[in-house]
Protein backbone atom coordinates (compact mmCIF):
# COMPACT_ATOMS: atom_id res chain seq x y z
CA UNK A 1 0.00 0.00 0.00
CA UNK A 2 2.80 2.40 0.86
CA UNK A 3 4.44 1.69 -2.48
CA UNK A 4 1.19 2.51 -4.30
CA UNK A 5 0.90 5.78 -2.40
CA UNK A 6 4.54 6.66 -3.15
CA UNK A 7 4.03 5.88 -6.83
CA UNK A 8 0.89 8.03 -6.98
CA UNK A 9 2.69 10.93 -5.28
CA UNK A 10 5.63 10.56 -7.64
CA UNK A 11 3.35 10.65 -10.69
CA UNK A 12 1.60 13.78 -9.44
CA UNK A 13 4.90 15.48 -8.61
CA UNK A 14 6.22 14.77 -12.10
CA UNK A 15 2.99 15.94 -13.71
CA UNK A 16 3.07 19.17 -11.73
CA UNK A 17 6.64 19.87 -12.83
CA UNK A 18 5.66 19.28 -16.44
CA UNK A 19 2.67 21.60 -16.53
CA UNK A 20 3.09 24.31 -13.92
CA UNK A 21 4.11 27.49 -15.66
CA UNK A 22 3.75 26.05 -19.13
CA UNK A 23 2.78 28.49 -21.87
CA UNK A 24 -0.27 26.55 -23.00
CA UNK A 25 -2.15 27.17 -19.76
CA UNK A 26 -2.38 23.52 -18.71
CA UNK A 27 -2.52 23.18 -14.95
CA UNK A 28 -2.45 20.08 -12.69
CA UNK A 29 -6.19 20.46 -12.15
CA UNK A 30 -6.64 19.93 -15.90
CA UNK A 31 -4.95 16.54 -15.90
CA UNK A 32 -7.15 13.48 -16.39
CA UNK A 33 -5.92 10.32 -14.65
CA UNK A 34 -6.26 6.99 -16.48
CA UNK A 35 -6.36 3.67 -14.64
CA UNK A 36 -6.71 0.15 -16.05
CA UNK A 37 -7.88 -2.63 -13.77
CA UNK A 38 -8.87 -6.29 -13.73
CA UNK A 39 -11.13 -8.19 -11.37
CA UNK A 40 -8.24 -9.85 -9.52
CA UNK A 41 -6.67 -6.43 -8.89
CA UNK A 42 -9.80 -4.62 -7.74
CA UNK A 43 -9.61 -5.04 -3.95
CA UNK A 44 -5.85 -5.14 -3.54
CA UNK A 45 -4.80 -2.38 -5.94
CA UNK A 46 -7.60 -0.39 -7.56
CA UNK A 47 -9.69 0.53 -4.51
CA UNK A 48 -6.70 1.63 -2.38
CA UNK A 49 -5.18 3.56 -5.30
CA UNK A 50 -8.43 5.40 -5.97
CA UNK A 51 -8.80 6.26 -2.28
CA UNK A 52 -5.24 7.60 -2.11
CA UNK A 53 -5.67 9.69 -5.25
CA UNK A 54 -8.89 11.20 -3.88
CA UNK A 55 -7.07 12.24 -0.68
CA UNK A 56 -4.88 14.58 -2.73
CA UNK A 57 -6.80 15.68 -5.82
CA UNK A 58 -10.25 15.86 -7.35
CA UNK A 59 -9.11 15.37 -10.94
CA UNK A 60 -11.20 13.49 -13.46
CA UNK A 61 -10.39 9.76 -13.42
CA UNK A 62 -11.07 7.51 -16.41
CA UNK A 63 -11.09 3.80 -15.60
CA UNK A 64 -10.72 1.01 -18.16
CA UNK A 65 -12.45 -1.98 -16.60
CA UNK A 66 -11.18 -5.22 -18.07
CA UNK A 67 -12.55 -8.70 -17.65
CA UNK A 68 -10.38 -11.76 -17.24
CA UNK A 69 -9.23 -13.53 -20.39
CA UNK A 70 -11.84 -15.94 -21.79
CA UNK A 71 -14.03 -15.72 -18.67
CA UNK A 72 -17.47 -14.26 -18.07
CA UNK A 73 -17.52 -10.73 -16.73
CA UNK A 74 -18.42 -11.14 -13.03
CA UNK A 75 -21.62 -9.44 -11.90
CA UNK A 76 -20.20 -8.79 -8.41
CA UNK A 77 -17.16 -7.18 -10.01
CA UNK A 78 -19.41 -4.99 -12.15
CA UNK A 79 -21.42 -3.89 -9.09
CA UNK A 80 -18.27 -3.12 -7.08
CA UNK A 81 -16.91 -0.97 -9.89
CA UNK A 82 -20.16 0.99 -10.12
CA UNK A 83 -20.09 1.72 -6.38
């Protein structure tokens, strides 16, 4: 969990350095965050990562929700994502 938080902070720090003061007017608040997840990663990685991101910023987050290879898309997984 600590590693996830450190990675998220590192990404935001790098993004801020890239856009703060840029001539095109892009600011950290204008950055959209993209996350890809799978059912087996939902509880251990996705939920904690989303919670940590929300502690620091309110940026738009786009999530690509993938199913497992050659398996039915789990209804419980779908409901958890929608929550």
